[in-house]
Amino acid sequence: MRIVWLIFGVLSLSAGFVGVVLPLVPTVPFLLLAAFCFARSSERLHNWLVTHPKFGPSIMDWRERGAISLRAKRMATVSIVAVFMLSVLIGLKLTLLAIQALTLGCVLLFIWSRPN
C-alpha cells in the first residue's frame, strides 16, 4: 500500500510544480495532498516537503491553523475571476455559467473564510 501512496504523492507533487509556472493550476492544494501521501509512504520525502523553504511554510500554516496566506488568497481570487471571465468570453451557456459561478463562489467563500 505504501507504493500506492508514494505514486499519488509524486503525482500530486508534480501537479503542484506545474502550478508554480501555470497561474490557473493551484499549487498549494496539490502540495498538501503530496504531504498527506508522503506521510503514509516516505518519511524522507515528507520531511523534505514540509521543511522546504518555499513550499513548507504553506503546508505548515494549513496543518497547524488551517490558514491560507493573504497572497495565496489574492492569487486564487484573480485566477478564479480570470477563469470565469474566460468562460463568459467564449460564450458558455447561461446554465453552465450559473453552475460555474455558484461553484467558484463557494470556493472563494471557503478560501476567504480561512485565517491568514
Protein backbone atom coordinates (compact mmCIF):
# COMPACT_ATOMS: atom_id res chain seq x y z
CA MET A 1 0.00 0.00 0.00
CA ARG A 2 2.94 2.34 0.64
CA ILE A 3 3.84 2.28 -3.05
CA VAL A 4 0.33 3.48 -3.97
CA TRP A 5 0.65 6.41 -1.54
CA LEU A 6 4.11 7.14 -2.94
CA ILE A 7 2.81 7.19 -6.53
CA PHE A 8 -0.06 9.51 -5.57
CA GLY A 9 2.40 11.70 -3.68
CA VAL A 10 4.73 12.01 -6.66
CA LEU A 11 1.80 12.75 -9.00
CA SER A 12 0.48 15.40 -6.61
CA LEU A 13 3.90 16.95 -6.20
CA SER A 14 4.30 17.04 -9.98
CA ALA A 15 0.92 18.75 -10.38
CA GLY A 16 1.95 21.25 -7.69
CA PHE A 17 5.16 22.04 -9.56
CA VAL A 18 3.14 22.61 -12.73
CA GLY A 19 1.06 25.07 -10.73
CA VAL A 20 4.18 27.09 -9.94
CA VAL A 21 4.51 28.07 -13.61
CA LEU A 22 0.88 27.91 -14.78
CA PRO A 23 -1.23 30.51 -12.97
CA LEU A 24 -4.57 28.69 -13.25
CA VAL A 25 -3.29 25.43 -11.72
CA PRO A 26 -3.42 25.53 -7.91
CA THR A 27 -0.09 24.77 -6.25
CA VAL A 28 -0.79 24.54 -2.53
CA PRO A 29 -3.69 22.02 -2.63
CA PHE A 30 -1.51 19.63 -4.61
CA LEU A 31 1.38 20.15 -2.20
CA LEU A 32 -0.95 19.46 0.74
CA LEU A 33 -2.07 16.26 -0.95
CA ALA A 34 1.54 15.30 -1.66
CA ALA A 35 2.47 15.86 2.01
CA PHE A 36 -0.51 13.72 3.06
CA CYS A 37 0.53 10.92 0.70
CA PHE A 38 4.22 11.12 1.62
CA ALA A 39 3.34 10.94 5.32
CA ARG A 40 1.93 7.48 4.56
CA SER A 41 4.70 6.33 2.24
CA SER A 42 8.05 8.06 2.66
CA GLU A 43 9.24 9.80 5.79
CA ARG A 44 12.22 11.21 3.85
CA LEU A 45 10.07 12.82 1.13
CA HIS A 46 7.54 14.05 3.70
CA ASN A 47 10.26 15.73 5.76
CA TRP A 48 11.83 17.23 2.62
CA LEU A 49 8.50 18.72 1.55
CA VAL A 50 7.42 20.18 4.90
CA THR A 51 10.87 21.67 5.53
CA HIS A 52 11.26 23.04 2.00
CA PRO A 53 11.94 26.80 2.25
CA LYS A 54 9.42 27.71 -0.47
CA PHE A 55 6.63 25.12 -0.03
CA GLY A 56 6.94 24.09 3.61
CA PRO A 57 5.50 27.24 5.23
CA SER A 58 2.19 26.95 3.33
CA ILE A 59 1.86 23.31 4.30
CA MET A 60 2.64 24.01 7.95
CA ASP A 61 0.28 27.02 8.07
CA TRP A 62 -2.54 24.80 6.81
CA ARG A 63 -1.64 21.90 9.10
CA GLU A 64 -1.32 23.99 12.25
CA ARG A 65 -4.04 26.63 11.83
CA GLY A 66 -5.99 25.87 8.66
CA ALA A 67 -4.54 29.13 7.37
CA ILE A 68 -4.08 30.41 3.81
CA SER A 69 -1.75 33.34 3.23
CA LEU A 70 -3.19 36.63 2.05
CA ARG A 71 -1.03 36.44 -1.08
CA ALA A 72 -2.40 32.97 -1.91
CA LYS A 73 -5.97 34.19 -1.33
CA ARG A 74 -5.42 37.08 -3.71
CA MET A 75 -3.81 34.86 -6.36
CA ALA A 76 -6.65 32.36 -6.09
CA THR A 77 -9.23 35.11 -6.42
CA VAL A 78 -7.56 36.54 -9.52
CA SER A 79 -7.32 33.07 -11.06
CA ILE A 80 -10.96 32.28 -10.32
CA VAL A 81 -12.15 35.58 -11.78
CA ALA A 82 -9.97 35.03 -14.86
CA VAL A 83 -11.39 31.55 -15.43
CA PHE A 84 -14.94 32.82 -15.08
CA MET A 85 -14.31 35.75 -17.43
CA LEU A 86 -12.81 33.34 -19.96
CA SER A 87 -15.96 31.22 -19.74
CA VAL A 88 -18.10 34.30 -20.38
CA LEU A 89 -15.91 35.38 -23.31
CA ILE A 90 -16.06 32.00 -25.03
CA GLY A 91 -19.83 32.08 -24.73
CA LEU A 92 -20.72 29.21 -22.45
CA LYS A 93 -24.42 28.61 -21.97
CA LEU A 94 -26.09 30.54 -19.18
CA THR A 95 -26.80 27.32 -17.26
CA LEU A 96 -23.12 26.38 -17.26
CA LEU A 97 -22.12 29.89 -16.25
CA ALA A 98 -24.57 29.77 -13.34
CA ILE A 99 -23.21 26.41 -12.16
CA GLN A 100 -19.65 27.68 -12.52
CA ALA A 101 -20.44 30.92 -10.69
CA LEU A 102 -22.04 29.03 -7.81
CA THR A 103 -19.16 26.57 -7.54
CA LEU A 104 -16.43 29.20 -7.80
CA GLY A 105 -18.31 31.44 -5.37
CA CYS A 106 -18.31 28.62 -2.82
CA VAL A 107 -14.59 28.08 -3.36
CA LEU A 108 -13.93 31.79 -2.80
CA LEU A 109 -16.10 31.79 0.31
CA PHE A 110 -14.10 28.87 1.70
CA ILE A 111 -10.74 30.45 0.83
CA TRP A 112 -11.59 33.84 2.33
CA SER A 113 -13.11 32.28 5.48
CA ARG A 114 -9.74 30.72 6.41
CA PRO A 115 -7.38 32.66 8.67
CA ASN A 116 -4.36 34.41 7.14
